[in-house]
Full PDB file with SEQRES, HELIX, SHEET, SSBOND, CRYST1, ORIGX, SCALE, CONECT and MASTER records, all heavy atoms in Angstrom:
SEQRES   1 A   31  HIS HIS ALA ILE ASN ASN ARG SER MET GLY PHE CYS ILE          
SEQRES   2 A   31  PHE ASN ASN ILE ALA ILE ALA ALA ARG HIS LEU GLN LYS          
SEQRES   3 A   31  LYS HIS GLY LEU ASN                                          
HELIX    1 AA1 ASN A   16  LYS A   27  1                                  12    
CRYST1    1.000    1.000    1.000  90.00  90.00  90.00 P 1           1          
ORIGX1      1.000000  0.000000  0.000000        0.00000                         
ORIGX2      0.000000  1.000000  0.000000        0.00000                         
ORIGX3      0.000000  0.000000  1.000000        0.00000                         
SCALE1      1.000000  0.000000  0.000000        0.00000                         
SCALE2      0.000000  1.000000  0.000000        0.00000                         
SCALE3      0.000000  0.000000  1.000000        0.00000                         
ATOM      1  N   HIS A   1       0.777  -1.192  -0.024  1.00  0.00           N  
ATOM      2  CA  HIS A   1      -0.011   0.021   0.080  1.00  0.00           C  
ATOM      3  C   HIS A   1       0.811   1.319   0.008  1.00  0.00           C  
ATOM      4  O   HIS A   1       0.241   2.385  -0.182  1.00  0.00           O  
ATOM      5  CB  HIS A   1      -1.030  -0.045   1.134  1.00  0.00           C  
ATOM      6  CG  HIS A   1      -0.397   0.116   2.508  1.00  0.00           C  
ATOM      7  ND1 HIS A   1      -1.162   0.734   3.480  1.00  0.00           N  
ATOM      8  CD2 HIS A   1       0.737  -0.178   3.010  1.00  0.00           C  
ATOM      9  CE1 HIS A   1      -0.435   0.711   4.556  1.00  0.00           C  
ATOM     10  NE2 HIS A   1       0.705   0.180   4.343  1.00  0.00           N  
ATOM     11  N   HIS A   2       2.114   1.230   0.206  1.00  0.00           N  
ATOM     12  CA  HIS A   2       3.023   2.413   0.143  1.00  0.00           C  
ATOM     13  C   HIS A   2       3.516   2.726  -1.338  1.00  0.00           C  
ATOM     14  O   HIS A   2       3.919   3.826  -1.669  1.00  0.00           O  
ATOM     15  CB  HIS A   2       4.081   2.382   1.015  1.00  0.00           C  
ATOM     16  CG  HIS A   2       3.815   2.440   2.467  1.00  0.00           C  
ATOM     17  ND1 HIS A   2       2.998   3.429   3.039  1.00  0.00           N  
ATOM     18  CD2 HIS A   2       4.022   1.590   3.515  1.00  0.00           C  
ATOM     19  CE1 HIS A   2       2.865   3.151   4.296  1.00  0.00           C  
ATOM     20  NE2 HIS A   2       3.491   2.136   4.590  1.00  0.00           N  
ATOM     21  N   ALA A   3       3.531   1.588  -2.130  1.00  0.00           N  
ATOM     22  CA  ALA A   3       4.106   1.716  -3.522  1.00  0.00           C  
ATOM     23  C   ALA A   3       3.313   2.638  -4.330  1.00  0.00           C  
ATOM     24  O   ALA A   3       2.063   2.573  -4.499  1.00  0.00           O  
ATOM     25  CB  ALA A   3       4.226   0.345  -4.120  1.00  0.00           C  
ATOM     26  N   ILE A   4       3.991   3.615  -4.990  1.00  0.00           N  
ATOM     27  CA  ILE A   4       3.290   4.548  -5.799  1.00  0.00           C  
ATOM     28  C   ILE A   4       3.611   4.127  -7.313  1.00  0.00           C  
ATOM     29  O   ILE A   4       4.221   3.120  -7.587  1.00  0.00           O  
ATOM     30  CB  ILE A   4       3.709   5.991  -5.625  1.00  0.00           C  
ATOM     31  CG1 ILE A   4       5.187   6.116  -5.749  1.00  0.00           C  
ATOM     32  CG2 ILE A   4       3.340   6.427  -4.147  1.00  0.00           C  
ATOM     33  CD1 ILE A   4       5.612   7.675  -5.550  1.00  0.00           C  
ATOM     34  N   ASN A   5       3.065   4.883  -8.292  1.00  0.00           N  
ATOM     35  CA  ASN A   5       3.176   4.334  -9.657  1.00  0.00           C  
ATOM     36  C   ASN A   5       4.528   4.216 -10.197  1.00  0.00           C  
ATOM     37  O   ASN A   5       4.778   3.358 -11.052  1.00  0.00           O  
ATOM     38  CB  ASN A   5       2.341   5.306 -10.569  1.00  0.00           C  
ATOM     39  CG  ASN A   5       3.045   6.700 -10.779  1.00  0.00           C  
ATOM     40  OD1 ASN A   5       3.621   7.198  -9.853  1.00  0.00           O  
ATOM     41  ND2 ASN A   5       2.807   7.249 -11.981  1.00  0.00           N  
ATOM     42  N   ASN A   6       5.532   4.938  -9.758  1.00  0.00           N  
ATOM     43  CA  ASN A   6       6.826   4.824 -10.339  1.00  0.00           C  
ATOM     44  C   ASN A   6       7.905   4.695  -9.308  1.00  0.00           C  
ATOM     45  O   ASN A   6       9.157   4.831  -9.622  1.00  0.00           O  
ATOM     46  CB  ASN A   6       7.064   6.151 -11.124  1.00  0.00           C  
ATOM     47  CG  ASN A   6       7.158   7.357 -10.277  1.00  0.00           C  
ATOM     48  OD1 ASN A   6       6.830   7.320  -9.021  1.00  0.00           O  
ATOM     49  ND2 ASN A   6       7.397   8.521 -10.804  1.00  0.00           N  
ATOM     50  N   ARG A   7       7.755   4.199  -8.069  1.00  0.00           N  
ATOM     51  CA  ARG A   7       8.696   3.747  -7.214  1.00  0.00           C  
ATOM     52  C   ARG A   7       8.180   2.952  -5.998  1.00  0.00           C  
ATOM     53  O   ARG A   7       7.053   3.052  -5.595  1.00  0.00           O  
ATOM     54  CB  ARG A   7       9.468   5.061  -6.667  1.00  0.00           C  
ATOM     55  CG  ARG A   7       8.719   5.912  -5.729  1.00  0.00           C  
ATOM     56  CD  ARG A   7       9.632   7.178  -5.407  1.00  0.00           C  
ATOM     57  NE  ARG A   7       8.871   8.203  -4.682  1.00  0.00           N  
ATOM     58  CZ  ARG A   7       8.855   8.340  -3.373  1.00  0.00           C  
ATOM     59  NH1 ARG A   7       9.502   7.444  -2.591  1.00  0.00           N  
ATOM     60  NH2 ARG A   7       8.190   9.257  -2.813  1.00  0.00           N  
ATOM     61  N   SER A   8       9.103   2.228  -5.423  1.00  0.00           N  
ATOM     62  CA  SER A   8       8.834   1.446  -4.213  1.00  0.00           C  
ATOM     63  C   SER A   8       8.876   2.375  -3.045  1.00  0.00           C  
ATOM     64  O   SER A   8       9.503   3.416  -3.131  1.00  0.00           O  
ATOM     65  CB  SER A   8       9.883   0.422  -4.078  1.00  0.00           C  
ATOM     66  OG  SER A   8      11.118   0.904  -3.993  1.00  0.00           O  
ATOM     67  N   MET A   9       8.401   1.898  -1.913  1.00  0.00           N  
ATOM     68  CA  MET A   9       8.411   2.696  -0.692  1.00  0.00           C  
ATOM     69  C   MET A   9       7.851   1.803   0.482  1.00  0.00           C  
ATOM     70  O   MET A   9       7.058   0.925   0.267  1.00  0.00           O  
ATOM     71  CB  MET A   9       7.450   3.879  -0.859  1.00  0.00           C  
ATOM     72  CG  MET A   9       7.541   4.859   0.189  1.00  0.00           C  
ATOM     73  SD  MET A   9       6.505   6.333  -0.122  1.00  0.00           S  
ATOM     74  CE  MET A   9       6.619   7.205   1.488  1.00  0.00           C  
ATOM     75  N   GLY A  10       8.477   1.948   1.623  1.00  0.00           N  
ATOM     76  CA  GLY A  10       7.923   1.374   2.797  1.00  0.00           C  
ATOM     77  C   GLY A  10       7.745  -0.109   2.778  1.00  0.00           C  
ATOM     78  O   GLY A  10       6.648  -0.585   3.167  1.00  0.00           O  
ATOM     79  N   PHE A  11       8.682  -0.860   2.293  1.00  0.00           N  
ATOM     80  CA  PHE A  11       8.648  -2.373   2.125  1.00  0.00           C  
ATOM     81  C   PHE A  11       7.850  -2.865   1.045  1.00  0.00           C  
ATOM     82  O   PHE A  11       7.669  -4.045   0.854  1.00  0.00           O  
ATOM     83  CB  PHE A  11       8.153  -3.003   3.493  1.00  0.00           C  
ATOM     84  CG  PHE A  11       8.649  -2.528   4.800  1.00  0.00           C  
ATOM     85  CD1 PHE A  11       7.973  -2.757   5.968  1.00  0.00           C  
ATOM     86  CD2 PHE A  11       9.749  -1.783   4.826  1.00  0.00           C  
ATOM     87  CE1 PHE A  11       8.378  -2.360   7.226  1.00  0.00           C  
ATOM     88  CE2 PHE A  11      10.245  -1.325   6.101  1.00  0.00           C  
ATOM     89  CZ  PHE A  11       9.594  -1.614   7.293  1.00  0.00           C  
ATOM     90  N   CYS A  12       7.254  -1.861   0.215  1.00  0.00           N  
ATOM     91  CA  CYS A  12       6.319  -2.322  -0.824  1.00  0.00           C  
ATOM     92  C   CYS A  12       6.925  -2.111  -2.197  1.00  0.00           C  
ATOM     93  O   CYS A  12       7.639  -1.051  -2.482  1.00  0.00           O  
ATOM     94  CB  CYS A  12       5.080  -1.374  -0.646  1.00  0.00           C  
ATOM     95  SG  CYS A  12       4.233  -1.537   0.862  1.00  0.00           S  
ATOM     96  N   ILE A  13       6.629  -3.047  -3.137  1.00  0.00           N  
ATOM     97  CA  ILE A  13       7.159  -2.931  -4.476  1.00  0.00           C  
ATOM     98  C   ILE A  13       6.129  -2.631  -5.500  1.00  0.00           C  
ATOM     99  O   ILE A  13       6.179  -1.661  -6.178  1.00  0.00           O  
ATOM    100  CB  ILE A  13       7.872  -4.281  -4.792  1.00  0.00           C  
ATOM    101  CG1 ILE A  13       9.098  -4.531  -3.943  1.00  0.00           C  
ATOM    102  CG2 ILE A  13       8.286  -4.332  -6.352  1.00  0.00           C  
ATOM    103  CD1 ILE A  13       9.886  -5.793  -4.199  1.00  0.00           C  
ATOM    104  N   PHE A  14       5.062  -3.490  -5.612  1.00  0.00           N  
ATOM    105  CA  PHE A  14       3.864  -3.190  -6.416  1.00  0.00           C  
ATOM    106  C   PHE A  14       2.694  -2.895  -5.432  1.00  0.00           C  
ATOM    107  O   PHE A  14       2.469  -3.659  -4.483  1.00  0.00           O  
ATOM    108  CB  PHE A  14       3.521  -4.313  -7.428  1.00  0.00           C  
ATOM    109  CG  PHE A  14       4.702  -4.522  -8.331  1.00  0.00           C  
ATOM    110  CD1 PHE A  14       5.025  -5.724  -8.749  1.00  0.00           C  
ATOM    111  CD2 PHE A  14       5.354  -3.422  -9.045  1.00  0.00           C  
ATOM    112  CE1 PHE A  14       6.153  -6.037  -9.689  1.00  0.00           C  
ATOM    113  CE2 PHE A  14       6.392  -3.665  -9.894  1.00  0.00           C  
ATOM    114  CZ  PHE A  14       6.776  -4.950 -10.209  1.00  0.00           C  
ATOM    115  N   ASN A  15       1.807  -2.157  -5.822  1.00  0.00           N  
ATOM    116  CA  ASN A  15       0.648  -1.880  -4.986  1.00  0.00           C  
ATOM    117  C   ASN A  15      -0.507  -2.845  -5.226  1.00  0.00           C  
ATOM    118  O   ASN A  15      -1.318  -2.642  -6.159  1.00  0.00           O  
ATOM    119  CB  ASN A  15       0.065  -0.452  -5.118  1.00  0.00           C  
ATOM    120  CG  ASN A  15      -0.849   0.054  -4.130  1.00  0.00           C  
ATOM    121  OD1 ASN A  15      -1.749  -0.711  -3.668  1.00  0.00           O  
ATOM    122  ND2 ASN A  15      -0.580   1.146  -3.552  1.00  0.00           N  
ATOM    123  N   ASN A  16      -0.457  -3.961  -4.635  1.00  0.00           N  
ATOM    124  CA  ASN A  16      -1.417  -5.095  -4.802  1.00  0.00           C  
ATOM    125  C   ASN A  16      -2.825  -4.720  -4.819  1.00  0.00           C  
ATOM    126  O   ASN A  16      -3.605  -5.057  -5.731  1.00  0.00           O  
ATOM    127  CB  ASN A  16      -1.082  -6.232  -3.766  1.00  0.00           C  
ATOM    128  CG  ASN A  16       0.309  -6.606  -3.718  1.00  0.00           C  
ATOM    129  OD1 ASN A  16       1.030  -6.792  -4.772  1.00  0.00           O  
ATOM    130  ND2 ASN A  16       0.796  -6.861  -2.566  1.00  0.00           N  
ATOM    131  N   ILE A  17      -3.213  -3.964  -3.859  1.00  0.00           N  
ATOM    132  CA  ILE A  17      -4.677  -3.674  -3.714  1.00  0.00           C  
ATOM    133  C   ILE A  17      -5.101  -2.626  -4.743  1.00  0.00           C  
ATOM    134  O   ILE A  17      -6.236  -2.738  -5.275  1.00  0.00           O  
ATOM    135  CB  ILE A  17      -5.013  -3.247  -2.321  1.00  0.00           C  
ATOM    136  CG1 ILE A  17      -6.451  -3.608  -1.821  1.00  0.00           C  
ATOM    137  CG2 ILE A  17      -4.653  -1.673  -1.956  1.00  0.00           C  
ATOM    138  CD1 ILE A  17      -6.740  -3.703  -0.462  1.00  0.00           C  
ATOM    139  N   ALA A  18      -4.290  -1.709  -5.194  1.00  0.00           N  
ATOM    140  CA  ALA A  18      -4.638  -0.826  -6.194  1.00  0.00           C  
ATOM    141  C   ALA A  18      -4.792  -1.483  -7.540  1.00  0.00           C  
ATOM    142  O   ALA A  18      -5.743  -1.205  -8.319  1.00  0.00           O  
ATOM    143  CB  ALA A  18      -3.573   0.306  -6.304  1.00  0.00           C  
ATOM    144  N   ILE A  19      -3.928  -2.416  -7.839  1.00  0.00           N  
ATOM    145  CA  ILE A  19      -4.036  -3.252  -8.980  1.00  0.00           C  
ATOM    146  C   ILE A  19      -5.316  -4.046  -8.935  1.00  0.00           C  
ATOM    147  O   ILE A  19      -6.013  -4.158  -9.935  1.00  0.00           O  
ATOM    148  CB  ILE A  19      -2.804  -4.176  -9.186  1.00  0.00           C  
ATOM    149  CG1 ILE A  19      -1.556  -3.352  -9.380  1.00  0.00           C  
ATOM    150  CG2 ILE A  19      -2.992  -5.213 -10.283  1.00  0.00           C  
ATOM    151  CD1 ILE A  19      -0.229  -4.130  -9.146  1.00  0.00           C  
ATOM    152  N   ALA A  20      -5.700  -4.635  -7.805  1.00  0.00           N  
ATOM    153  CA  ALA A  20      -6.887  -5.357  -7.699  1.00  0.00           C  
ATOM    154  C   ALA A  20      -8.098  -4.569  -7.913  1.00  0.00           C  
ATOM    155  O   ALA A  20      -9.118  -5.053  -8.570  1.00  0.00           O  
ATOM    156  CB  ALA A  20      -6.948  -6.047  -6.252  1.00  0.00           C  
ATOM    157  N   ALA A  21      -8.154  -3.342  -7.453  1.00  0.00           N  
ATOM    158  CA  ALA A  21      -9.321  -2.503  -7.613  1.00  0.00           C  
ATOM    159  C   ALA A  21      -9.533  -2.216  -9.146  1.00  0.00           C  
ATOM    160  O   ALA A  21     -10.613  -2.322  -9.640  1.00  0.00           O  
ATOM    161  CB  ALA A  21      -9.113  -1.193  -6.912  1.00  0.00           C  
ATOM    162  N   ARG A  22      -8.468  -1.948  -9.913  1.00  0.00           N  
ATOM    163  CA  ARG A  22      -8.555  -1.708 -11.277  1.00  0.00           C  
ATOM    164  C   ARG A  22      -9.003  -2.982 -11.958  1.00  0.00           C  
ATOM    165  O   ARG A  22      -9.702  -3.042 -13.010  1.00  0.00           O  
ATOM    166  CB  ARG A  22      -7.274  -1.161 -11.819  1.00  0.00           C  
ATOM    167  CG  ARG A  22      -6.985   0.228 -11.419  1.00  0.00           C  
ATOM    168  CD  ARG A  22      -8.002   1.245 -11.950  1.00  0.00           C  
ATOM    169  NE  ARG A  22      -7.661   2.539 -11.595  1.00  0.00           N  
ATOM    170  CZ  ARG A  22      -8.523   3.547 -11.232  1.00  0.00           C  
ATOM    171  NH1 ARG A  22      -9.837   3.239 -11.107  1.00  0.00           N  
ATOM    172  NH2 ARG A  22      -8.194   4.797 -10.917  1.00  0.00           N  
ATOM    173  N   HIS A  23      -8.376  -4.099 -11.563  1.00  0.00           N  
ATOM    174  CA  HIS A  23      -8.848  -5.441 -12.101  1.00  0.00           C  
ATOM    175  C   HIS A  23     -10.301  -5.756 -12.041  1.00  0.00           C  
ATOM    176  O   HIS A  23     -10.929  -6.108 -12.861  1.00  0.00           O  
ATOM    177  CB  HIS A  23      -7.931  -6.531 -11.406  1.00  0.00           C  
ATOM    178  CG  HIS A  23      -8.343  -7.870 -11.803  1.00  0.00           C  
ATOM    179  ND1 HIS A  23      -7.831  -8.501 -12.884  1.00  0.00           N  
ATOM    180  CD2 HIS A  23      -9.087  -8.870 -11.140  1.00  0.00           C  
ATOM    181  CE1 HIS A  23      -8.279  -9.736 -13.086  1.00  0.00           C  
ATOM    182  NE2 HIS A  23      -8.975 -10.009 -11.938  1.00  0.00           N  
ATOM    183  N   LEU A  24     -10.909  -5.379 -10.866  1.00  0.00           N  
ATOM    184  CA  LEU A  24     -12.271  -5.599 -10.605  1.00  0.00           C  
ATOM    185  C   LEU A  24     -13.076  -4.655 -11.684  1.00  0.00           C  
ATOM    186  O   LEU A  24     -14.224  -5.127 -12.162  1.00  0.00           O  
ATOM    187  CB  LEU A  24     -12.650  -5.296  -9.279  1.00  0.00           C  
ATOM    188  CG  LEU A  24     -12.251  -6.301  -8.194  1.00  0.00           C  
ATOM    189  CD1 LEU A  24     -12.328  -5.768  -6.837  1.00  0.00           C  
ATOM    190  CD2 LEU A  24     -12.994  -7.626  -8.288  1.00  0.00           C  
ATOM    191  N   GLN A  25     -12.639  -3.610 -11.893  1.00  0.00           N  
ATOM    192  CA  GLN A  25     -13.350  -2.670 -12.863  1.00  0.00           C  
ATOM    193  C   GLN A  25     -13.081  -3.079 -14.298  1.00  0.00           C  
ATOM    194  O   GLN A  25     -14.067  -3.182 -15.050  1.00  0.00           O  
ATOM    195  CB  GLN A  25     -12.791  -1.259 -12.674  1.00  0.00           C  
ATOM    196  CG  GLN A  25     -13.184  -0.643 -11.380  1.00  0.00           C  
ATOM    197  CD  GLN A  25     -12.644   0.708 -11.137  1.00  0.00           C  
ATOM    198  OE1 GLN A  25     -11.486   0.996 -11.554  1.00  0.00           O  
ATOM    199  NE2 GLN A  25     -13.328   1.637 -10.461  1.00  0.00           N  
ATOM    200  N   LYS A  26     -11.899  -3.557 -14.657  1.00  0.00           N  
ATOM    201  CA  LYS A  26     -11.625  -3.794 -16.058  1.00  0.00           C  
ATOM    202  C   LYS A  26     -12.010  -5.175 -16.436  1.00  0.00           C  
ATOM    203  O   LYS A  26     -12.564  -5.336 -17.538  1.00  0.00           O  
ATOM    204  CB  LYS A  26     -10.092  -3.586 -16.331  1.00  0.00           C  
ATOM    205  CG  LYS A  26      -9.627  -2.181 -16.241  1.00  0.00           C  
ATOM    206  CD  LYS A  26      -8.094  -2.170 -16.281  1.00  0.00           C  
ATOM    207  CE  LYS A  26      -7.589  -0.695 -16.301  1.00  0.00           C  
ATOM    208  NZ  LYS A  26      -7.960   0.081 -17.501  1.00  0.00           N  
ATOM    209  N   LYS A  27     -11.774  -6.231 -15.601  1.00  0.00           N  
ATOM    210  CA  LYS A  27     -12.124  -7.566 -16.022  1.00  0.00           C  
ATOM    211  C   LYS A  27     -13.618  -7.899 -15.764  1.00  0.00           C  
ATOM    212  O   LYS A  27     -14.278  -8.671 -16.539  1.00  0.00           O  
ATOM    213  CB  LYS A  27     -11.222  -8.530 -15.324  1.00  0.00           C  
ATOM    214  CG  LYS A  27     -11.609  -9.995 -15.569  1.00  0.00           C  
ATOM    215  CD  LYS A  27     -10.575 -10.912 -15.001  1.00  0.00           C  
ATOM    216  CE  LYS A  27     -10.990 -12.391 -15.351  1.00  0.00           C  
ATOM    217  NZ  LYS A  27     -10.045 -13.450 -14.882  1.00  0.00           N  
ATOM    218  N   HIS A  28     -14.088  -7.432 -14.503  1.00  0.00           N  
ATOM    219  CA  HIS A  28     -15.450  -7.805 -14.118  1.00  0.00           C  
ATOM    220  C   HIS A  28     -16.488  -6.737 -14.340  1.00  0.00           C  
ATOM    221  O   HIS A  28     -17.649  -7.007 -13.952  1.00  0.00           O  
ATOM    222  CB  HIS A  28     -15.358  -8.305 -12.620  1.00  0.00           C  
ATOM    223  CG  HIS A  28     -14.516  -9.441 -12.421  1.00  0.00           C  
ATOM    224  ND1 HIS A  28     -14.842 -10.762 -12.758  1.00  0.00           N  
ATOM    225  CD2 HIS A  28     -13.379  -9.572 -11.901  1.00  0.00           C  
ATOM    226  CE1 HIS A  28     -13.956 -11.633 -12.528  1.00  0.00           C  
ATOM    227  NE2 HIS A  28     -12.986 -10.863 -11.931  1.00  0.00           N  
ATOM    228  N   GLY A  29     -16.072  -5.558 -14.787  1.00  0.00           N  
ATOM    229  CA  GLY A  29     -17.066  -4.629 -15.111  1.00  0.00           C  
ATOM    230  C   GLY A  29     -17.721  -3.903 -13.865  1.00  0.00           C  
ATOM    231  O   GLY A  29     -18.722  -3.308 -14.060  1.00  0.00           O  
ATOM    232  N   LEU A  30     -17.064  -4.080 -12.764  1.00  0.00           N  
ATOM    233  CA  LEU A  30     -17.603  -3.460 -11.584  1.00  0.00           C  
ATOM    234  C   LEU A  30     -17.299  -1.918 -11.576  1.00  0.00           C  
ATOM    235  O   LEU A  30     -16.241  -1.512 -12.230  1.00  0.00           O  
ATOM    236  CB  LEU A  30     -17.049  -4.104 -10.304  1.00  0.00           C  
ATOM    237  CG  LEU A  30     -17.309  -5.507 -10.081  1.00  0.00           C  
ATOM    238  CD1 LEU A  30     -16.717  -6.014  -8.725  1.00  0.00           C  
ATOM    239  CD2 LEU A  30     -18.831  -5.832 -10.214  1.00  0.00           C  
ATOM    240  N   ASN A  31     -18.011  -1.064 -10.960  1.00  0.00           N  
ATOM    241  CA  ASN A  31     -17.793   0.334 -11.032  1.00  0.00           C  
ATOM    242  C   ASN A  31     -17.266   0.863  -9.743  1.00  0.00           C  
ATOM    243  O   ASN A  31     -16.149   1.250  -9.619  1.00  0.00           O  
ATOM    244  CB  ASN A  31     -18.966   1.029 -11.431  1.00  0.00           C  
ATOM    245  CG  ASN A  31     -18.922   2.521 -11.562  1.00  0.00           C  
ATOM    246  OD1 ASN A  31     -17.719   2.995 -12.010  1.00  0.00           O  
ATOM    247  ND2 ASN A  31     -19.819   3.416 -11.178  1.00  0.00           N  
TER     248      ASN A  31                                                      
MASTER        0    0    0    1    0    0    0    6  247    1    0    3          
END                                                                             
């Protein structure tokens, strides 16, 4: 949850939950 779009931060590399939110919108059509 600390990872931003272009750098790591606070033990975090990729922002898993942000990716998941977009995945739910893009793949499953949730809003």
